C-alpha atoms as a PDB file:
ATOM      1  CA  UNK A   1      13.663  -2.838  34.796  1.00  0.00           C
ATOM      2  CA  UNK A   2      13.576   1.527  34.736  1.00  0.00           C
ATOM      3  CA  UNK A   3      14.889   4.333  32.394  1.00  0.00           C
ATOM      4  CA  UNK A   4      15.415   3.311  28.772  1.00  0.00           C
ATOM      5  CA  UNK A   5      15.411  -0.379  29.320  1.00  0.00           C
ATOM      6  CA  UNK A   6      11.799  -0.065  29.168  1.00  0.00           C
ATOM      7  CA  UNK A   7      11.638   1.890  26.080  1.00  0.00           C
ATOM      8  CA  UNK A   8       9.033   0.439  23.639  1.00  0.00           C
ATOM      9  CA  UNK A   9      11.391  -0.241  20.144  1.00  0.00           C
ATOM     10  CA  UNK A  10       8.413   1.559  18.297  1.00  0.00           C
ATOM     11  CA  UNK A  11       8.639   4.708  19.018  1.00  0.00           C
ATOM     12  CA  UNK A  12      12.250   5.319  18.143  1.00  0.00           C
ATOM     13  CA  UNK A  13      11.035   3.166  14.772  1.00  0.00           C
ATOM     14  CA  UNK A  14       7.676   5.134  14.291  1.00  0.00           C
ATOM     15  CA  UNK A  15      10.484   8.191  14.850  1.00  0.00           C
ATOM     16  CA  UNK A  16      12.567   7.212  12.003  1.00  0.00           C
ATOM     17  CA  UNK A  17       9.629   6.819   9.547  1.00  0.00           C
ATOM     18  CA  UNK A  18       8.187   9.616  10.067  1.00  0.00           C
ATOM     19  CA  UNK A  19      11.072  11.652   9.586  1.00  0.00           C
ATOM     20  CA  UNK A  20      11.983  10.138   5.855  1.00  0.00           C
ATOM     21  CA  UNK A  21       7.749  10.099   5.208  1.00  0.00           C
ATOM     22  CA  UNK A  22       8.839  13.604   6.009  1.00  0.00           C
ATOM     23  CA  UNK A  23      11.987  14.222   3.716  1.00  0.00           C
ATOM     24  CA  UNK A  24      10.115  12.004   0.776  1.00  0.00           C
ATOM     25  CA  UNK A  25       7.162  13.934   1.669  1.00  0.00           C
ATOM     26  CA  UNK A  26       8.798  17.514   1.069  1.00  0.00           C
ATOM     27  CA  UNK A  27      11.065  16.371  -2.456  1.00  0.00           C
ATOM     28  CA  UNK A  28       7.880  14.805  -3.899  1.00  0.00           C
ATOM     29  CA  UNK A  29       5.426  18.515  -3.451  1.00  0.00           C
ATOM     30  CA  UNK A  30       9.021  20.286  -4.732  1.00  0.00           C
ATOM     31  CA  UNK A  31       9.335  18.191  -7.732  1.00  0.00           C
ATOM     32  CA  UNK A  32       5.083  17.978  -8.477  1.00  0.00           C
ATOM     33  CA  UNK A  33       5.922  20.155 -11.464  1.00  0.00           C
ATOM     34  CA  UNK A  34       8.705  18.097 -13.170  1.00  0.00           C
ATOM     35  CA  UNK A  35       6.517  15.825 -15.913  1.00  0.00           C
ATOM     36  CA  UNK A  36      10.346  14.974 -17.620  1.00  0.00           C
ATOM     37  CA  UNK A  37      10.960  13.128 -13.765  1.00  0.00           C
ATOM     38  CA  UNK A  38       7.830  11.027 -13.484  1.00  0.00           C
ATOM     39  CA  UNK A  39       7.244   9.857 -17.015  1.00  0.00           C
ATOM     40  CA  UNK A  40       8.420   6.268 -16.195  1.00  0.00           C
ATOM     41  CA  UNK A  41       6.197   5.782 -13.459  1.00  0.00           C
ATOM     42  CA  UNK A  42       3.582   7.055 -15.294  1.00  0.00           C
ATOM     43  CA  UNK A  43       3.124  10.346 -14.586  1.00  0.00           C
ATOM     44  CA  UNK A  44       2.203   9.647 -10.565  1.00  0.00           C
ATOM     45  CA  UNK A  45       4.604  11.409  -8.040  1.00  0.00           C
ATOM     46  CA  UNK A  46       5.716   8.084  -6.597  1.00  0.00           C
ATOM     47  CA  UNK A  47       8.262  10.364  -3.864  1.00  0.00           C
ATOM     48  CA  UNK A  48       5.083  12.493  -2.637  1.00  0.00           C
ATOM     49  CA  UNK A  49       2.792   8.928  -2.361  1.00  0.00           C
ATOM     50  CA  UNK A  50       5.127   6.750  -0.534  1.00  0.00           C
ATOM     51  CA  UNK A  51       6.279   9.492   1.726  1.00  0.00           C
ATOM     52  CA  UNK A  52       2.458  10.015   2.621  1.00  0.00           C
ATOM     53  CA  UNK A  53       2.241   5.985   3.091  1.00  0.00           C
ATOM     54  CA  UNK A  54       5.659   6.649   5.296  1.00  0.00           C
ATOM     55  CA  UNK A  55       3.859   9.503   7.465  1.00  0.00           C
ATOM     56  CA  UNK A  56       1.089   7.304   8.064  1.00  0.00           C
ATOM     57  CA  UNK A  57       3.323   4.111   8.682  1.00  0.00           C
ATOM     58  CA  UNK A  58       5.379   6.105  11.061  1.00  0.00           C
ATOM     59  CA  UNK A  59       2.335   7.538  13.577  1.00  0.00           C
ATOM     60  CA  UNK A  60       0.686   4.587  13.329  1.00  0.00           C
ATOM     61  CA  UNK A  61       4.106   2.912  15.157  1.00  0.00           C
ATOM     62  CA  UNK A  62       3.949   6.228  17.257  1.00  0.00           C
ATOM     63  CA  UNK A  63       0.633   6.391  18.427  1.00  0.00           C
ATOM     64  CA  UNK A  64       0.983   1.969  19.053  1.00  0.00           C
ATOM     65  CA  UNK A  65       4.415   3.375  21.468  1.00  0.00           C
ATOM     66  CA  UNK A  66       2.777   6.133  22.919  1.00  0.00           C
ATOM     67  CA  UNK A  67      -0.710   3.624  23.750  1.00  0.00           C
ATOM     68  CA  UNK A  68       2.155   1.152  25.606  1.00  0.00           C
ATOM     69  CA  UNK A  69       3.466   3.741  27.752  1.00  0.00           C
ATOM     70  CA  UNK A  70      -0.085   5.260  29.267  1.00  0.00           C
ATOM     71  CA  UNK A  71      -1.739   1.266  29.291  1.00  0.00           C
ATOM     72  CA  UNK A  72       1.903   0.494  31.431  1.00  0.00           C
ATOM     73  CA  UNK A  73       1.290   3.834  33.723  1.00  0.00           C
ATOM     74  CA  UNK A  74      -2.663   2.948  34.556  1.00  0.00           C
ATOM     75  CA  UNK A  75      -1.366  -0.049  35.533  1.00  0.00           C
ATOM     76  CA  UNK A  76       1.072   1.002  37.749  1.00  0.00           C
ATOM     77  CA  UNK A  77       3.816  -1.578  36.393  1.00  0.00           C
END
C-alpha cells in the first residue's frame, strides 16, 4: 500500500478535535465575563473547560498518529 491508504485515522480525527476545541476555547474566552450565560452551570465556563479538553484530546490523537508514522518510517515499511 502507498499514499493515502497508509494514513492513520487518528490524524484527521485529531485535527478535527483541535479545530473544534480551538473554536470552543475562543468562544469561552470571549464570553468569560457573561455571568448570566454561565449561571445555569453554577458559574463554570463550560465552553472554556471543554474547549481545553478537546484541544488536549486532539493533541493526543495527532501525536499518536505522528508517532506511528515515524515508527513505520524507522522500520522501513
